[in-house]
Amino acid sequence: ACLKSLYGNQGVNWNHRWTGGKKVPLREMNREQMWLLPPALEELIPTDHPARFVVEFVDALDREGWAELEVQIDGDPMGAPAYHPHALLSVWLYGFMTGVRSCRRS
């Protein structure tokens, strides 16, 4: 609604819905990636932190589990990469568990 109020009807189809079809490439996801100065992300999260439960749950989903969620787990090498479904579901579940339902919440 905000974009529509800013740009009006300047030739933009505001009613477009994605109907599936073409796959998009996925961004790489590595929870063990090292940083230049701080330690790896895995070392920053305590072993009993709820985020670890979310990671274990999401990583345990097999292809059939993702298919039940109607999520295409495979990306496409063409185009700009999308965020990996594992990362998106993990953030959503953790937010749901902690009561954060908007990134605007401070």
C-alpha atoms as a PDB file:
ATOM      1  CA  ALA A   1       0.000   0.000   0.000  1.00  0.00           C
ATOM      2  CA  CYS A   2       2.887   2.412   0.731  1.00  0.00           C
ATOM      3  CA  LEU A   3       4.472   1.988  -2.697  1.00  0.00           C
ATOM      4  CA  LYS A   4       1.118   2.440  -4.368  1.00  0.00           C
ATOM      5  CA  SER A   5       0.548   5.721  -2.534  1.00  0.00           C
ATOM      6  CA  LEU A   6       4.034   6.933  -3.496  1.00  0.00           C
ATOM      7  CA  TYR A   7       4.014   5.924  -7.144  1.00  0.00           C
ATOM      8  CA  GLY A   8       0.308   5.829  -7.956  1.00  0.00           C
ATOM      9  CA  ASN A   9      -0.607   4.030 -11.177  1.00  0.00           C
ATOM     10  CA  GLN A  10       2.513   4.801 -13.214  1.00  0.00           C
ATOM     11  CA  GLY A  11       2.112   1.720 -15.383  1.00  0.00           C
ATOM     12  CA  VAL A  12       2.629  -0.657 -12.451  1.00  0.00           C
ATOM     13  CA  ASN A  13       0.415  -3.715 -12.109  1.00  0.00           C
ATOM     14  CA  TRP A  14      -0.215  -3.731  -8.344  1.00  0.00           C
ATOM     15  CA  ASN A  15      -2.402  -6.857  -8.545  1.00  0.00           C
ATOM     16  CA  HIS A  16       0.329  -9.185  -9.879  1.00  0.00           C
ATOM     17  CA  ARG A  17       0.577 -12.464  -7.995  1.00  0.00           C
ATOM     18  CA  TRP A  18       3.437 -14.947  -8.281  1.00  0.00           C
ATOM     19  CA  THR A  19       2.039 -18.199  -9.628  1.00  0.00           C
ATOM     20  CA  GLY A  20       5.134 -20.339  -9.295  1.00  0.00           C
ATOM     21  CA  GLY A  21       6.893 -21.804 -12.232  1.00  0.00           C
ATOM     22  CA  LYS A  22      10.432 -20.591 -12.855  1.00  0.00           C
ATOM     23  CA  LYS A  23      13.049 -21.359 -10.206  1.00  0.00           C
ATOM     24  CA  VAL A  24      15.351 -18.640  -8.887  1.00  0.00           C
ATOM     25  CA  PRO A  25      18.964 -19.042  -7.714  1.00  0.00           C
ATOM     26  CA  LEU A  26      19.592 -19.234  -3.965  1.00  0.00           C
ATOM     27  CA  ARG A  27      22.114 -17.270  -1.890  1.00  0.00           C
ATOM     28  CA  GLU A  28      24.696 -19.439  -0.176  1.00  0.00           C
ATOM     29  CA  MET A  29      24.068 -20.058   3.520  1.00  0.00           C
ATOM     30  CA  ASN A  30      26.919 -20.965   5.872  1.00  0.00           C
ATOM     31  CA  ARG A  31      26.368 -20.782   9.641  1.00  0.00           C
ATOM     32  CA  GLU A  32      30.042 -21.622  10.226  1.00  0.00           C
ATOM     33  CA  GLN A  33      31.362 -18.688   8.172  1.00  0.00           C
ATOM     34  CA  MET A  34      34.296 -16.937   9.852  1.00  0.00           C
ATOM     35  CA  TRP A  35      34.283 -13.156  10.365  1.00  0.00           C
ATOM     36  CA  LEU A  36      37.297 -10.910  10.038  1.00  0.00           C
ATOM     37  CA  LEU A  37      37.428  -9.941  13.731  1.00  0.00           C
ATOM     38  CA  PRO A  38      34.702 -11.715  15.758  1.00  0.00           C
ATOM     39  CA  PRO A  39      34.508 -15.509  16.039  1.00  0.00           C
ATOM     40  CA  ALA A  40      32.224 -17.719  13.952  1.00  0.00           C
ATOM     41  CA  LEU A  41      28.467 -17.270  14.409  1.00  0.00           C
ATOM     42  CA  GLU A  42      28.255 -20.747  15.974  1.00  0.00           C
ATOM     43  CA  GLU A  43      30.563 -19.577  18.787  1.00  0.00           C
ATOM     44  CA  LEU A  44      28.397 -16.526  19.570  1.00  0.00           C
ATOM     45  CA  ILE A  45      25.231 -18.532  20.294  1.00  0.00           C
ATOM     46  CA  PRO A  46      25.135 -20.479  23.589  1.00  0.00           C
ATOM     47  CA  THR A  47      24.541 -24.225  23.337  1.00  0.00           C
ATOM     48  CA  ASP A  48      21.192 -23.975  25.165  1.00  0.00           C
ATOM     49  CA  HIS A  49      19.866 -21.035  23.096  1.00  0.00           C
ATOM     50  CA  PRO A  50      16.413 -21.553  21.457  1.00  0.00           C
ATOM     51  CA  ALA A  51      17.893 -20.641  18.071  1.00  0.00           C
ATOM     52  CA  ARG A  52      19.773 -23.950  18.102  1.00  0.00           C
ATOM     53  CA  PHE A  53      16.466 -25.842  18.436  1.00  0.00           C
ATOM     54  CA  VAL A  54      15.113 -23.954  15.415  1.00  0.00           C
ATOM     55  CA  VAL A  55      18.228 -24.787  13.374  1.00  0.00           C
ATOM     56  CA  GLU A  56      18.006 -28.484  14.284  1.00  0.00           C
ATOM     57  CA  PHE A  57      14.304 -28.580  13.405  1.00  0.00           C
ATOM     58  CA  VAL A  58      14.722 -26.845  10.034  1.00  0.00           C
ATOM     59  CA  ASP A  59      17.819 -28.873   9.118  1.00  0.00           C
ATOM     60  CA  ALA A  60      15.890 -32.092   9.913  1.00  0.00           C
ATOM     61  CA  LEU A  61      13.263 -31.350   7.237  1.00  0.00           C
ATOM     62  CA  ASP A  62      13.805 -33.611   4.252  1.00  0.00           C
ATOM     63  CA  ARG A  63      12.670 -32.986   0.676  1.00  0.00           C
ATOM     64  CA  GLU A  64       9.240 -34.421   1.468  1.00  0.00           C
ATOM     65  CA  GLY A  65       8.898 -32.041   4.419  1.00  0.00           C
ATOM     66  CA  TRP A  66       9.679 -29.055   2.213  1.00  0.00           C
ATOM     67  CA  ALA A  67       7.274 -30.382  -0.418  1.00  0.00           C
ATOM     68  CA  GLU A  68       4.518 -30.529   2.232  1.00  0.00           C
ATOM     69  CA  LEU A  69       5.259 -26.865   2.979  1.00  0.00           C
ATOM     70  CA  GLU A  70       5.017 -26.227  -0.785  1.00  0.00           C
ATOM     71  CA  VAL A  71       8.558 -24.805  -0.896  1.00  0.00           C
ATOM     72  CA  GLN A  72      10.967 -25.440  -3.763  1.00  0.00           C
ATOM     73  CA  ILE A  73      14.234 -26.233  -2.005  1.00  0.00           C
ATOM     74  CA  ASP A  74      16.329 -26.200  -5.191  1.00  0.00           C
ATOM     75  CA  GLY A  75      17.433 -22.923  -6.666  1.00  0.00           C
ATOM     76  CA  ASP A  76      18.322 -21.931 -10.207  1.00  0.00           C
ATOM     77  CA  PRO A  77      21.809 -20.800 -11.276  1.00  0.00           C
ATOM     78  CA  MET A  78      20.429 -17.904 -13.346  1.00  0.00           C
ATOM     79  CA  GLY A  79      19.562 -14.449 -12.016  1.00  0.00           C
ATOM     80  CA  ALA A  80      20.183 -12.811  -8.655  1.00  0.00           C
ATOM     81  CA  PRO A  81      20.203 -15.311  -5.786  1.00  0.00           C
ATOM     82  CA  ALA A  82      17.273 -15.459  -3.375  1.00  0.00           C
ATOM     83  CA  TYR A  83      17.624 -16.116   0.340  1.00  0.00           C
ATOM     84  CA  HIS A  84      17.774 -19.820   1.149  1.00  0.00           C
ATOM     85  CA  PRO A  85      14.478 -21.329   2.377  1.00  0.00           C
ATOM     86  CA  HIS A  86      16.306 -22.775   5.427  1.00  0.00           C
ATOM     87  CA  ALA A  87      17.361 -19.263   6.491  1.00  0.00           C
ATOM     88  CA  LEU A  88      13.918 -17.750   5.872  1.00  0.00           C
ATOM     89  CA  LEU A  89      12.042 -20.483   7.751  1.00  0.00           C
ATOM     90  CA  SER A  90      14.555 -20.362  10.624  1.00  0.00           C
ATOM     91  CA  VAL A  91      14.124 -16.604  11.076  1.00  0.00           C
ATOM     92  CA  TRP A  92      10.337 -16.872  10.831  1.00  0.00           C
ATOM     93  CA  LEU A  93      10.129 -19.719  13.377  1.00  0.00           C
ATOM     94  CA  TYR A  94      12.509 -18.023  15.809  1.00  0.00           C
ATOM     95  CA  GLY A  95      10.538 -14.784  15.548  1.00  0.00           C
ATOM     96  CA  PHE A  96       7.304 -16.683  16.165  1.00  0.00           C
ATOM     97  CA  MET A  97       8.811 -18.433  19.211  1.00  0.00           C
ATOM     98  CA  THR A  98      10.054 -15.169  20.716  1.00  0.00           C
ATOM     99  CA  GLY A  99       6.967 -13.097  19.901  1.00  0.00           C
ATOM    100  CA  VAL A 100       8.687 -10.885  17.313  1.00  0.00           C
ATOM    101  CA  ARG A 101       6.402 -10.752  14.291  1.00  0.00           C
ATOM    102  CA  SER A 102       7.826  -7.666  12.588  1.00  0.00           C
ATOM    103  CA  CYS A 103      11.334  -6.443  11.861  1.00  0.00           C
ATOM    104  CA  ARG A 104      10.081  -2.946  12.736  1.00  0.00           C
ATOM    105  CA  ARG A 105       9.671  -3.858  16.386  1.00  0.00           C
ATOM    106  CA  SER A 106      12.386  -2.222  18.496  1.00  0.00           C
END
